[in-house]
Amino acid sequence: FNALNNLYAAALTEPSETPDKILELSELLRYQIESSKKESISLEEEIQFIQKYLNYEQNRNPKLSIDFKTEILTGKVGLSPMLFMPFIENAIKYSSQADAPFIYLSIFTDKKGLSFKIENNFDTDRRKFSGTNTGISNTKKRLELIYKDKHELSISDSDGIYNMELSIKL
């Protein structure tokens, strides 16, 4: 719904760019619906989706600096669909409130496991008054159900910097 509201605003201010933005959003929504029907998707598919999503958000907020790195050293890796999205959406939401928003994301795999990391800045005053933590709470429960003793999640924030690291044993 946020994306649709943003699209509406863009249609009023930048009508010539609206058709392309509608197509981008359509692709994102299609992936979300189709992947949610599956128990597992390939890491490659998820990375492609994340890149499209980050591009969409970057176009929406040109001030947002995004650095996304991947290094996949193993063969096919399957994982639960949309597993990383609550963390990415939160990073974008909270970082965008900062004066110079930035997000660093990385996904690495080796023979032993997968590592997903996010670092972003946030405005310490604004963060206190927004958010319900529902997305992160639900994701923690999902991780426990799907990856039981095969994952570690570390979340911390200090001095306006949020850090999240998720490790999953393969």
N, C-alpha and C. Protein backbone atom coordinates (compact mmCIF):
# COMPACT_ATOMS: atom_id res chain seq x y z
N PHE A 1 0.81 -1.19 0.00
CA PHE A 1 0.00 0.00 0.00
C PHE A 1 0.86 1.27 0.00
N ASN A 2 1.98 1.21 0.72
CA ASN A 2 2.89 2.35 0.70
C ASN A 2 3.39 2.61 -0.71
N ALA A 3 3.73 1.54 -1.42
CA ALA A 3 4.22 1.69 -2.79
C ALA A 3 3.16 2.31 -3.68
N LEU A 4 1.90 1.92 -3.50
CA LEU A 4 0.82 2.50 -4.31
C LEU A 4 0.61 3.97 -3.97
N ASN A 5 0.70 4.31 -2.71
CA ASN A 5 0.58 5.72 -2.32
C ASN A 5 1.72 6.55 -2.90
N ASN A 6 2.92 5.98 -2.87
CA ASN A 6 4.07 6.68 -3.47
C ASN A 6 3.89 6.83 -4.97
N LEU A 7 3.34 5.82 -5.60
CA LEU A 7 3.10 5.85 -7.04
C LEU A 7 2.07 6.93 -7.38
N TYR A 8 1.05 7.05 -6.57
CA TYR A 8 0.05 8.09 -6.76
C TYR A 8 0.70 9.47 -6.71
N ALA A 9 1.54 9.69 -5.71
CA ALA A 9 2.24 10.98 -5.58
C ALA A 9 3.14 11.24 -6.78
N ALA A 10 3.81 10.19 -7.25
CA ALA A 10 4.68 10.33 -8.43
C ALA A 10 3.87 10.67 -9.67
N ALA A 11 2.67 10.10 -9.77
CA ALA A 11 1.81 10.38 -10.93
C ALA A 11 1.43 11.85 -10.97
N LEU A 12 1.28 12.46 -9.82
CA LEU A 12 0.93 13.88 -9.76
C LEU A 12 2.11 14.77 -10.08
N THR A 13 3.30 14.38 -9.63
CA THR A 13 4.47 15.24 -9.79
C THR A 13 5.34 14.89 -11.00
N GLU A 14 5.36 13.62 -11.40
CA GLU A 14 6.19 13.17 -12.51
C GLU A 14 5.39 12.23 -13.43
N PRO A 15 4.35 12.75 -14.08
CA PRO A 15 3.46 11.87 -14.85
C PRO A 15 4.16 11.11 -15.98
N SER A 16 5.20 11.65 -16.55
CA SER A 16 5.87 10.96 -17.66
C SER A 16 6.62 9.70 -17.20
N GLU A 17 7.01 9.65 -15.93
CA GLU A 17 7.75 8.50 -15.40
C GLU A 17 6.84 7.43 -14.79
N THR A 18 5.57 7.76 -14.64
CA THR A 18 4.64 6.86 -13.96
C THR A 18 4.48 5.51 -14.65
N PRO A 19 4.34 5.43 -15.97
CA PRO A 19 4.18 4.09 -16.58
C PRO A 19 5.32 3.13 -16.26
N ASP A 20 6.56 3.60 -16.30
CA ASP A 20 7.70 2.74 -15.98
C ASP A 20 7.67 2.30 -14.52
N LYS A 21 7.27 3.22 -13.63
CA LYS A 21 7.19 2.88 -12.21
C LYS A 21 6.09 1.86 -11.95
N ILE A 22 5.01 1.94 -12.70
CA ILE A 22 3.93 0.96 -12.56
C ILE A 22 4.43 -0.42 -12.97
N LEU A 23 5.18 -0.49 -14.07
CA LEU A 23 5.73 -1.78 -14.51
C LEU A 23 6.70 -2.36 -13.48
N GLU A 24 7.56 -1.51 -12.92
CA GLU A 24 8.50 -1.97 -11.89
C GLU A 24 7.75 -2.54 -10.70
N LEU A 25 6.75 -1.80 -10.24
CA LEU A 25 5.98 -2.24 -9.09
C LEU A 25 5.23 -3.53 -9.41
N SER A 26 4.72 -3.64 -10.59
CA SER A 26 4.01 -4.85 -11.02
C SER A 26 4.92 -6.08 -10.95
N GLU A 27 6.15 -5.94 -11.41
CA GLU A 27 7.12 -7.04 -11.34
C GLU A 27 7.41 -7.44 -9.90
N LEU A 28 7.56 -6.45 -9.04
CA LEU A 28 7.84 -6.73 -7.63
C LEU A 28 6.67 -7.47 -6.97
N LEU A 29 5.47 -7.00 -7.23
CA LEU A 29 4.29 -7.63 -6.63
C LEU A 29 4.08 -9.04 -7.17
N ARG A 30 4.33 -9.23 -8.46
CA ARG A 30 4.18 -10.56 -9.05
C ARG A 30 5.14 -11.56 -8.39
N TYR A 31 6.38 -11.15 -8.22
CA TYR A 31 7.35 -12.03 -7.56
C TYR A 31 6.89 -12.37 -6.14
N GLN A 32 6.43 -11.36 -5.40
CA GLN A 32 6.00 -11.60 -4.03
C GLN A 32 4.86 -12.61 -3.98
N ILE A 33 3.90 -12.48 -4.85
CA ILE A 33 2.76 -13.40 -4.87
C ILE A 33 3.19 -14.79 -5.29
N GLU A 34 3.96 -14.88 -6.36
CA GLU A 34 4.38 -16.19 -6.88
C GLU A 34 5.33 -16.91 -5.91
N SER A 35 6.25 -16.19 -5.33
CA SER A 35 7.22 -16.84 -4.43
C SER A 35 6.56 -17.28 -3.13
N SER A 36 5.53 -16.55 -2.70
CA SER A 36 4.88 -16.91 -1.44
C SER A 36 4.12 -18.24 -1.55
N LYS A 37 3.88 -18.71 -2.75
CA LYS A 37 3.19 -19.99 -2.96
C LYS A 37 4.16 -21.17 -2.80
N LYS A 38 5.45 -20.87 -2.75
CA LYS A 38 6.47 -21.91 -2.70
C LYS A 38 7.06 -22.04 -1.30
N GLU A 39 7.46 -23.24 -0.97
CA GLU A 39 8.11 -23.47 0.32
C GLU A 39 9.56 -22.98 0.28
N SER A 40 10.18 -23.10 -0.90
CA SER A 40 11.58 -22.72 -1.04
C SER A 40 11.80 -22.12 -2.42
N ILE A 41 12.70 -21.16 -2.48
CA ILE A 41 13.10 -20.56 -3.76
C ILE A 41 14.63 -20.52 -3.80
N SER A 42 15.17 -20.29 -4.99
CA SER A 42 16.63 -20.25 -5.09
C SER A 42 17.15 -18.90 -4.58
N LEU A 43 18.32 -18.95 -4.00
CA LEU A 43 18.96 -17.72 -3.52
C LEU A 43 19.16 -16.75 -4.68
N GLU A 44 19.47 -17.28 -5.85
CA GLU A 44 19.66 -16.43 -7.03
C GLU A 44 18.40 -15.62 -7.35
N GLU A 45 17.23 -16.28 -7.30
CA GLU A 45 15.97 -15.58 -7.55
C GLU A 45 15.74 -14.49 -6.51
N GLU A 46 16.02 -14.82 -5.26
CA GLU A 46 15.80 -13.86 -4.18
C GLU A 46 16.73 -12.65 -4.33
N ILE A 47 17.96 -12.89 -4.72
CA ILE A 47 18.92 -11.79 -4.93
C ILE A 47 18.45 -10.89 -6.08
N GLN A 48 17.97 -11.50 -7.16
CA GLN A 48 17.45 -10.71 -8.29
C GLN A 48 16.28 -9.83 -7.84
N PHE A 49 15.39 -10.41 -7.03
CA PHE A 49 14.26 -9.64 -6.52
C PHE A 49 14.74 -8.50 -5.63
N ILE A 50 15.65 -8.79 -4.73
CA ILE A 50 16.18 -7.75 -3.83
C ILE A 50 16.79 -6.61 -4.63
N GLN A 51 17.55 -6.95 -5.67
CA GLN A 51 18.17 -5.91 -6.50
C GLN A 51 17.11 -5.04 -7.17
N LYS A 52 16.06 -5.65 -7.70
CA LYS A 52 14.97 -4.88 -8.31
C LYS A 52 14.28 -4.00 -7.27
N TYR A 53 14.06 -4.56 -6.09
CA TYR A 53 13.42 -3.79 -5.04
C TYR A 53 14.29 -2.60 -4.62
N LEU A 54 15.58 -2.83 -4.47
CA LEU A 54 16.49 -1.74 -4.10
C LEU A 54 16.54 -0.67 -5.18
N ASN A 55 16.53 -1.09 -6.45
CA ASN A 55 16.49 -0.12 -7.55
C ASN A 55 15.22 0.72 -7.50
N TYR A 56 14.11 0.06 -7.23
CA TYR A 56 12.83 0.76 -7.12
C TYR A 56 12.90 1.81 -6.01
N GLU A 57 13.40 1.41 -4.85
CA GLU A 57 13.50 2.33 -3.71
C GLU A 57 14.51 3.44 -3.98
N GLN A 58 15.59 3.12 -4.67
CA GLN A 58 16.61 4.12 -5.00
C GLN A 58 16.02 5.19 -5.93
N ASN A 59 15.22 4.74 -6.89
CA ASN A 59 14.56 5.70 -7.80
C ASN A 59 13.55 6.56 -7.06
N ARG A 60 12.91 5.98 -6.06
CA ARG A 60 11.92 6.71 -5.28
C ARG A 60 12.58 7.74 -4.37
N ASN A 61 13.76 7.42 -3.86
CA ASN A 61 14.47 8.30 -2.93
C ASN A 61 15.93 8.42 -3.37
N PRO A 62 16.23 9.35 -4.29
CA PRO A 62 17.60 9.48 -4.81
C PRO A 62 18.65 9.81 -3.75
N LYS A 63 18.24 10.35 -2.59
CA LYS A 63 19.21 10.64 -1.52
C LYS A 63 19.73 9.36 -0.86
N LEU A 64 18.98 8.28 -0.98
CA LEU A 64 19.32 7.03 -0.32
C LEU A 64 20.52 6.37 -1.00
N SER A 65 21.59 6.16 -0.25
CA SER A 65 22.77 5.49 -0.75
C SER A 65 22.68 4.01 -0.40
N ILE A 66 22.72 3.15 -1.42
CA ILE A 66 22.60 1.71 -1.21
C ILE A 66 23.84 1.02 -1.77
N ASP A 67 24.45 0.19 -0.94
CA ASP A 67 25.59 -0.62 -1.36
C ASP A 67 25.21 -2.08 -1.11
N PHE A 68 25.03 -2.85 -2.18
CA PHE A 68 24.59 -4.24 -2.08
C PHE A 68 25.63 -5.14 -2.71
N LYS A 69 26.21 -6.02 -1.88
CA LYS A 69 27.26 -6.93 -2.36
C LYS A 69 26.82 -8.37 -2.16
N THR A 70 27.18 -9.21 -3.13
CA THR A 70 26.92 -10.64 -3.01
C THR A 70 28.15 -11.41 -3.42
N GLU A 71 28.34 -12.53 -2.77
CA GLU A 71 29.41 -13.47 -3.14
C GLU A 71 28.88 -14.86 -2.84
N ILE A 72 28.49 -15.56 -3.89
CA ILE A 72 27.89 -16.87 -3.75
C ILE A 72 28.92 -17.91 -4.19
N LEU A 73 29.46 -18.63 -3.21
CA LEU A 73 30.55 -19.57 -3.48
C LEU A 73 30.09 -21.02 -3.50
N THR A 74 28.80 -21.24 -3.41
CA THR A 74 28.28 -22.60 -3.42
C THR A 74 27.33 -22.77 -4.60
N GLY A 75 26.94 -23.99 -4.83
CA GLY A 75 25.97 -24.27 -5.90
C GLY A 75 24.61 -23.72 -5.54
N LYS A 76 23.60 -24.39 -5.98
CA LYS A 76 22.24 -23.94 -5.73
C LYS A 76 21.91 -23.94 -4.24
N VAL A 77 21.43 -22.80 -3.77
CA VAL A 77 21.02 -22.66 -2.38
C VAL A 77 19.53 -22.32 -2.38
N GLY A 78 18.75 -23.09 -1.63
CA GLY A 78 17.33 -22.81 -1.49
C GLY A 78 17.05 -22.20 -0.13
N LEU A 79 16.08 -21.31 -0.08
CA LEU A 79 15.70 -20.72 1.19
C LEU A 79 14.24 -20.32 1.16
N SER A 80 13.71 -20.01 2.31
CA SER A 80 12.32 -19.59 2.44
C SER A 80 12.15 -18.25 1.72
N PRO A 81 11.09 -18.11 0.91
CA PRO A 81 10.91 -16.86 0.15
C PRO A 81 10.71 -15.63 1.03
N MET A 82 11.19 -14.53 0.57
CA MET A 82 11.01 -13.22 1.19
C MET A 82 11.56 -13.15 2.62
N LEU A 83 12.50 -14.00 2.94
CA LEU A 83 13.04 -14.08 4.29
C LEU A 83 13.75 -12.80 4.71
N PHE A 84 14.43 -12.16 3.78
CA PHE A 84 15.23 -10.98 4.11
C PHE A 84 14.43 -9.67 4.07
N MET A 85 13.25 -9.70 3.43
CA MET A 85 12.54 -8.46 3.17
C MET A 85 12.15 -7.63 4.40
N PRO A 86 11.69 -8.22 5.49
CA PRO A 86 11.37 -7.35 6.64
C PRO A 86 12.58 -6.53 7.11
N PHE A 87 13.77 -7.12 7.07
CA PHE A 87 14.97 -6.40 7.46
C PHE A 87 15.30 -5.29 6.47
N ILE A 88 15.17 -5.60 5.19
CA ILE A 88 15.46 -4.60 4.15
C ILE A 88 14.45 -3.46 4.20
N GLU A 89 13.17 -3.80 4.34
CA GLU A 89 12.14 -2.76 4.41
C GLU A 89 12.35 -1.85 5.62
N ASN A 90 12.69 -2.44 6.77
CA ASN A 90 12.96 -1.63 7.96
C ASN A 90 14.17 -0.73 7.75
N ALA A 91 15.21 -1.27 7.14
CA ALA A 91 16.42 -0.47 6.90
C ALA A 91 16.09 0.74 6.03
N ILE A 92 15.29 0.53 5.00
CA ILE A 92 14.91 1.63 4.11
C ILE A 92 14.03 2.62 4.85
N LYS A 93 13.05 2.12 5.58
CA LYS A 93 12.12 2.98 6.31
C LYS A 93 12.86 3.89 7.30
N TYR A 94 13.70 3.29 8.13
CA TYR A 94 14.36 4.08 9.17
C TYR A 94 15.51 4.93 8.64
N SER A 95 16.22 4.42 7.67
CA SER A 95 17.32 5.18 7.11
C SER A 95 16.81 6.43 6.38
N SER A 96 15.67 6.30 5.72
CA SER A 96 15.15 7.42 4.94
C SER A 96 14.80 8.62 5.81
N GLN A 97 14.67 8.42 7.12
CA GLN A 97 14.40 9.53 8.03
C GLN A 97 15.67 10.30 8.41
N ALA A 98 16.83 9.75 8.08
CA ALA A 98 18.10 10.40 8.40
C ALA A 98 18.44 11.45 7.35
N ASP A 99 19.34 12.35 7.70
CA ASP A 99 19.73 13.41 6.78
C ASP A 99 20.46 12.88 5.55
N ALA A 100 21.37 11.94 5.75
CA ALA A 100 22.13 11.34 4.65
C ALA A 100 21.93 9.82 4.71
N PRO A 101 20.78 9.33 4.24
CA PRO A 101 20.45 7.91 4.43
C PRO A 101 21.39 6.97 3.68
N PHE A 102 21.78 5.88 4.36
CA PHE A 102 22.59 4.86 3.70
C PHE A 102 22.21 3.48 4.20
N ILE A 103 22.41 2.51 3.33
CA ILE A 103 22.19 1.10 3.67
C ILE A 103 23.30 0.29 3.02
N TYR A 104 23.94 -0.57 3.81
CA TYR A 104 24.90 -1.54 3.30
C TYR A 104 24.29 -2.92 3.50
N LEU A 105 24.19 -3.68 2.42
CA LEU A 105 23.68 -5.04 2.49
C LEU A 105 24.71 -5.98 1.90
N SER A 106 24.76 -7.19 2.45
CA SER A 106 25.63 -8.20 1.84
C SER A 106 25.01 -9.58 2.05
N ILE A 107 25.20 -10.41 1.04
CA ILE A 107 24.81 -11.81 1.12
C ILE A 107 26.00 -12.62 0.64
N PHE A 108 26.49 -13.49 1.52
CA PHE A 108 27.63 -14.34 1.19
C PHE A 108 27.28 -15.78 1.50
N THR A 109 27.78 -16.68 0.67
CA THR A 109 27.64 -18.11 0.98
C THR A 109 28.99 -18.79 0.81
N ASP A 110 29.17 -19.86 1.56
CA ASP A 110 30.28 -20.77 1.35
C ASP A 110 29.72 -22.18 1.57
N LYS A 111 30.57 -23.15 1.66
CA LYS A 111 30.11 -24.54 1.80
C LYS A 111 29.35 -24.77 3.11
N LYS A 112 29.64 -23.95 4.11
CA LYS A 112 29.04 -24.15 5.43
C LYS A 112 27.71 -23.42 5.61
N GLY A 113 27.58 -22.25 4.98
CA GLY A 113 26.36 -21.51 5.25
C GLY A 113 26.20 -20.23 4.47
N LEU A 114 25.19 -19.50 4.89
CA LEU A 114 24.81 -18.24 4.26
C LEU A 114 24.89 -17.15 5.32
N SER A 115 25.36 -15.97 4.91
CA SER A 115 25.42 -14.83 5.80
C SER A 115 24.73 -13.65 5.13
N PHE A 116 23.79 -13.05 5.84
CA PHE A 116 23.07 -11.86 5.36
C PHE A 116 23.27 -10.76 6.39
N LYS A 117 23.79 -9.61 5.94
CA LYS A 117 24.07 -8.50 6.85
C LYS A 117 23.47 -7.21 6.31
N ILE A 118 23.01 -6.39 7.24
CA ILE A 118 22.54 -5.04 6.90
C ILE A 118 23.11 -4.07 7.93
N GLU A 119 23.54 -2.94 7.44
CA GLU A 119 23.89 -1.82 8.31
C GLU A 119 23.22 -0.59 7.71
N ASN A 120 22.56 0.18 8.55
CA ASN A 120 21.94 1.42 8.07
C ASN A 120 21.94 2.45 9.19
N ASN A 121 21.81 3.68 8.79
CA ASN A 121 21.71 4.74 9.77
C ASN A 121 20.24 5.04 10.03
N PHE A 122 19.98 5.76 11.12
CA PHE A 122 18.62 6.18 11.44
C PHE A 122 18.67 7.42 12.31
N ASP A 123 17.60 8.16 12.31
CA ASP A 123 17.47 9.34 13.15
C ASP A 123 17.00 8.86 14.52
N THR A 124 17.83 9.00 15.53
CA THR A 124 17.52 8.45 16.86
C THR A 124 16.26 9.06 17.47
N ASP A 125 15.97 10.33 17.17
CA ASP A 125 14.78 10.97 17.73
C ASP A 125 13.50 10.44 17.08
N ARG A 126 13.50 10.28 15.78
CA ARG A 126 12.30 9.81 15.07
C ARG A 126 12.02 8.34 15.31
N ARG A 127 13.03 7.53 15.45
CA ARG A 127 12.86 6.08 15.57
C ARG A 127 12.06 5.70 16.82
N LYS A 128 12.17 6.48 17.86
CA LYS A 128 11.47 6.18 19.11
C LYS A 128 9.95 6.18 18.95
N PHE A 129 9.47 6.92 17.96
CA PHE A 129 8.03 7.12 17.84
C PHE A 129 7.39 6.38 16.67
N SER A 130 8.13 5.51 16.01
CA SER A 130 7.54 4.84 14.85
C SER A 130 7.85 3.35 14.88
N GLY A 131 6.95 2.58 14.30
CA GLY A 131 7.18 1.15 14.15
C GLY A 131 6.57 0.32 15.26
N THR A 132 6.14 -0.88 14.87
CA THR A 132 5.52 -1.80 15.82
C THR A 132 6.37 -3.04 16.06
N ASN A 133 7.41 -3.21 15.24
CA ASN A 133 8.30 -4.39 15.33
C ASN A 133 7.62 -5.69 14.91
N THR A 134 6.44 -5.60 14.31
CA THR A 134 5.69 -6.79 13.92
C THR A 134 6.45 -7.60 12.87
N GLY A 135 6.98 -6.93 11.86
CA GLY A 135 7.70 -7.64 10.78
C GLY A 135 8.90 -8.41 11.30
N ILE A 136 9.70 -7.79 12.14
CA ILE A 136 10.89 -8.44 12.68
C ILE A 136 10.49 -9.57 13.63
N SER A 137 9.48 -9.31 14.45
CA SER A 137 9.00 -10.34 15.38
C SER A 137 8.49 -11.57 14.62
N ASN A 138 7.72 -11.35 13.58
CA ASN A 138 7.22 -12.47 12.77
C ASN A 138 8.36 -13.20 12.06
N THR A 139 9.36 -12.46 11.62
CA THR A 139 10.50 -13.09 10.94
C THR A 139 11.31 -13.94 11.92
N LYS A 140 11.45 -13.48 13.15
CA LYS A 140 12.15 -14.28 14.17
C LYS A 140 11.42 -15.60 14.40
N LYS A 141 10.10 -15.54 14.48
CA LYS A 141 9.30 -16.76 14.66
C LYS A 141 9.44 -17.68 13.45
N ARG A 142 9.43 -17.09 12.29
CA ARG A 142 9.59 -17.86 11.05
C ARG A 142 10.94 -18.57 11.01
N LEU A 143 11.99 -17.86 11.39
CA LEU A 143 13.32 -18.45 11.44
C LEU A 143 13.36 -19.63 12.41
N GLU A 144 12.73 -19.50 13.56
CA GLU A 144 12.69 -20.59 14.53
C GLU A 144 11.96 -21.81 13.97
N LEU A 145 10.88 -21.57 13.26
CA LEU A 145 10.10 -22.68 12.70
C LEU A 145 10.84 -23.39 11.56
N ILE A 146 11.45 -22.60 10.68
CA ILE A 146 12.05 -23.17 9.47
C ILE A 146 13.49 -23.62 9.69
N TYR A 147 14.26 -22.83 10.43
CA TYR A 147 15.70 -23.08 10.56
C TYR A 147 16.12 -23.45 11.97
N LYS A 148 15.20 -23.72 12.85
CA LYS A 148 15.44 -24.09 14.26
C LYS A 148 16.84 -23.80 14.76
N ASP A 149 17.67 -24.83 14.89
CA ASP A 149 19.03 -24.68 15.43
C ASP A 149 20.06 -24.42 14.34
N LYS A 150 19.61 -24.05 13.16
CA LYS A 150 20.53 -23.84 12.04
C LYS A 150 20.71 -22.37 11.71
N HIS A 151 20.33 -21.49 12.60
CA HIS A 151 20.50 -20.06 12.31
C HIS A 151 20.91 -19.30 13.56
N GLU A 152 21.51 -18.13 13.32
CA GLU A 152 21.83 -17.17 14.37
C GLU A 152 21.44 -15.80 13.86
N LEU A 153 20.75 -15.05 14.69
CA LEU A 153 20.33 -13.70 14.34
C LEU A 153 20.85 -12.75 15.40
N SER A 154 21.56 -11.73 14.95
CA SER A 154 22.10 -10.72 15.85
C SER A 154 21.64 -9.35 15.39
N ILE A 155 21.02 -8.60 16.29
CA ILE A 155 20.53 -7.26 15.98
C ILE A 155 21.03 -6.31 17.05
N SER A 156 21.59 -5.19 16.62
CA SER A 156 22.05 -4.18 17.58
C SER A 156 21.94 -2.80 16.95
N ASP A 157 21.86 -1.80 17.81
CA ASP A 157 21.94 -0.43 17.32
C ASP A 157 22.64 0.43 18.34
N SER A 158 23.41 1.37 17.82
CA SER A 158 24.17 2.25 18.68
C SER A 158 24.52 3.52 17.91
N ASP A 159 24.33 4.64 18.55
CA ASP A 159 24.72 5.94 17.98
C ASP A 159 24.16 6.15 16.57
N GLY A 160 22.91 5.78 16.35
CA GLY A 160 22.28 6.03 15.07
C GLY A 160 22.64 5.05 13.97
N ILE A 161 23.28 3.93 14.32
CA ILE A 161 23.62 2.89 13.34
C ILE A 161 22.97 1.58 13.78
N TYR A 162 22.24 0.96 12.87
CA TYR A 162 21.56 -0.30 13.11
C TYR A 162 22.34 -1.40 12.39
N ASN A 163 22.59 -2.50 13.08
CA ASN A 163 23.30 -3.64 12.49
C ASN A 163 22.48 -4.90 12.69
N MET A 164 22.38 -5.68 11.63
CA MET A 164 21.68 -6.95 11.68
C MET A 164 22.52 -7.97 10.92
N GLU A 165 22.69 -9.14 11.54
CA GLU A 165 23.40 -10.23 10.86
C GLU A 165 22.64 -11.52 11.07
N LEU A 166 22.38 -12.20 9.97
CA LEU A 166 21.70 -13.49 10.00
C LEU A 166 22.62 -14.52 9.35
N SER A 167 22.88 -15.60 10.09
CA SER A 167 23.68 -16.70 9.57
C SER A 167 22.80 -17.94 9.55
N ILE A 168 22.84 -18.66 8.42
CA ILE A 168 22.07 -19.89 8.29
C ILE A 168 23.03 -20.98 7.85
N LYS A 169 23.04 -22.11 8.59
CA LYS A 169 23.86 -23.26 8.21
C LYS A 169 23.19 -23.98 7.05
N LEU A 170 24.00 -24.31 6.06
CA LEU A 170 23.44 -25.03 4.89
C LEU A 170 23.62 -26.52 5.03
